Amino acid sequence: MSSEPEPVEKPAAQPPAQSQNAPSEKALRVCGPSGTLALRYGLPCPFCLVGRVDYDSQLNLVCSKCGKTQTGVFT
């Protein structure tokens, strides 16, 4: 008694990914000092190895190329 295999359902299509330069994605890229990689002012970004790390207007360290952000507290 042979039976035909059941049809396999395909997963629903995923929406296309947003561009990496989208501002909403840059806002979500945050790293903290507890991780193994930390942003350091004036040095190359440890994540993309291309951009230079600089302070933004709110004194957060930000990579100029990939947009990684590290926040901190100043007293």
C-alpha atoms as a PDB file:
ATOM      1  CA  MET A   1       0.000   0.000   0.000  1.00  0.00           C
ATOM      2  CA  SER A   2       1.899   3.005  -1.225  1.00  0.00           C
ATOM      3  CA  SER A   3       0.614   6.494  -0.776  1.00  0.00           C
ATOM      4  CA  GLU A   4       1.692   9.689  -2.423  1.00  0.00           C
ATOM      5  CA  PRO A   5       3.786  12.067  -0.303  1.00  0.00           C
ATOM      6  CA  GLU A   6       1.961  15.015   1.156  1.00  0.00           C
ATOM      7  CA  PRO A   7       2.605  18.353  -0.577  1.00  0.00           C
ATOM      8  CA  VAL A   8       5.021  20.618   1.285  1.00  0.00           C
ATOM      9  CA  GLU A   9       3.759  24.115   2.005  1.00  0.00           C
ATOM     10  CA  LYS A  10       6.156  26.953   1.294  1.00  0.00           C
ATOM     11  CA  PRO A  11       6.609  29.599   4.006  1.00  0.00           C
ATOM     12  CA  ALA A  12       5.022  32.988   3.424  1.00  0.00           C
ATOM     13  CA  ALA A  13       7.145  35.440   1.471  1.00  0.00           C
ATOM     14  CA  GLN A  14       9.146  37.865   3.581  1.00  0.00           C
ATOM     15  CA  PRO A  15       9.003  41.602   2.806  1.00  0.00           C
ATOM     16  CA  PRO A  16      12.160  42.946   1.164  1.00  0.00           C
ATOM     17  CA  ALA A  17      14.841  44.132   3.569  1.00  0.00           C
ATOM     18  CA  GLN A  18      15.267  47.866   4.006  1.00  0.00           C
ATOM     19  CA  SER A  19      18.379  49.613   2.807  1.00  0.00           C
ATOM     20  CA  GLN A  20      21.267  49.610   5.299  1.00  0.00           C
ATOM     21  CA  ASN A  21      21.343  53.398   5.085  1.00  0.00           C
ATOM     22  CA  ALA A  22      17.800  53.745   6.450  1.00  0.00           C
ATOM     23  CA  PRO A  23      17.736  56.012   9.529  1.00  0.00           C
ATOM     24  CA  SER A  24      15.473  53.608  11.444  1.00  0.00           C
ATOM     25  CA  GLU A  25      18.100  50.851  11.209  1.00  0.00           C
ATOM     26  CA  LYS A  26      20.891  53.151  12.354  1.00  0.00           C
ATOM     27  CA  ALA A  27      18.866  54.032  15.446  1.00  0.00           C
ATOM     28  CA  LEU A  28      18.716  50.338  16.401  1.00  0.00           C
ATOM     29  CA  ARG A  29      22.444  49.678  16.090  1.00  0.00           C
ATOM     30  CA  VAL A  30      23.634  50.222  19.629  1.00  0.00           C
ATOM     31  CA  CYS A  31      26.590  48.595  21.325  1.00  0.00           C
ATOM     32  CA  GLY A  32      27.488  48.800  24.964  1.00  0.00           C
ATOM     33  CA  PRO A  33      30.732  48.884  26.916  1.00  0.00           C
ATOM     34  CA  SER A  34      30.033  45.403  28.335  1.00  0.00           C
ATOM     35  CA  GLY A  35      30.526  43.798  24.908  1.00  0.00           C
ATOM     36  CA  THR A  36      33.865  42.657  23.608  1.00  0.00           C
ATOM     37  CA  LEU A  37      33.859  45.362  20.937  1.00  0.00           C
ATOM     38  CA  ALA A  38      33.666  48.970  22.069  1.00  0.00           C
ATOM     39  CA  LEU A  39      33.811  52.187  20.093  1.00  0.00           C
ATOM     40  CA  ARG A  40      36.774  54.441  20.866  1.00  0.00           C
ATOM     41  CA  TYR A  41      36.968  58.084  19.788  1.00  0.00           C
ATOM     42  CA  GLY A  42      39.180  58.694  16.762  1.00  0.00           C
ATOM     43  CA  LEU A  43      39.888  55.011  16.086  1.00  0.00           C
ATOM     44  CA  PRO A  44      38.507  52.848  13.266  1.00  0.00           C
ATOM     45  CA  CYS A  45      35.160  51.213  14.007  1.00  0.00           C
ATOM     46  CA  PRO A  46      35.698  47.654  15.319  1.00  0.00           C
ATOM     47  CA  PHE A  47      32.519  46.497  13.540  1.00  0.00           C
ATOM     48  CA  CYS A  48      32.972  47.688   9.936  1.00  0.00           C
ATOM     49  CA  LEU A  49      36.731  48.478  10.122  1.00  0.00           C
ATOM     50  CA  VAL A  50      36.171  51.361   7.684  1.00  0.00           C
ATOM     51  CA  GLY A  51      34.593  54.352   9.426  1.00  0.00           C
ATOM     52  CA  ARG A  52      36.122  56.595  12.061  1.00  0.00           C
ATOM     53  CA  VAL A  53      34.431  56.938  15.439  1.00  0.00           C
ATOM     54  CA  ASP A  54      33.404  60.457  16.452  1.00  0.00           C
ATOM     55  CA  TYR A  55      31.026  62.136  18.892  1.00  0.00           C
ATOM     56  CA  ASP A  56      27.581  63.245  17.703  1.00  0.00           C
ATOM     57  CA  SER A  57      25.647  66.286  18.979  1.00  0.00           C
ATOM     58  CA  GLN A  58      24.503  64.349  22.069  1.00  0.00           C
ATOM     59  CA  LEU A  59      28.027  63.120  22.922  1.00  0.00           C
ATOM     60  CA  ASN A  60      27.362  59.542  21.785  1.00  0.00           C
ATOM     61  CA  LEU A  61      30.176  57.712  20.015  1.00  0.00           C
ATOM     62  CA  VAL A  62      29.053  56.999  16.424  1.00  0.00           C
ATOM     63  CA  CYS A  63      30.729  55.308  13.451  1.00  0.00           C
ATOM     64  CA  SER A  64      30.589  57.556  10.392  1.00  0.00           C
ATOM     65  CA  LYS A  65      30.283  54.591   8.016  1.00  0.00           C
ATOM     66  CA  CYS A  66      28.040  51.881   9.536  1.00  0.00           C
ATOM     67  CA  GLY A  67      26.158  53.990  12.104  1.00  0.00           C
ATOM     68  CA  LYS A  68      26.946  51.899  15.185  1.00  0.00           C
ATOM     69  CA  THR A  69      26.281  53.957  18.297  1.00  0.00           C
ATOM     70  CA  GLN A  70      27.584  53.704  21.847  1.00  0.00           C
ATOM     71  CA  THR A  71      25.927  55.806  24.496  1.00  0.00           C
ATOM     72  CA  GLY A  72      27.419  56.828  27.791  1.00  0.00           C
ATOM     73  CA  VAL A  73      26.804  59.010  30.797  1.00  0.00           C
ATOM     74  CA  PHE A  74      28.843  62.082  31.627  1.00  0.00           C
ATOM     75  CA  THR A  75      28.669  63.759  35.014  1.00  0.00           C
END
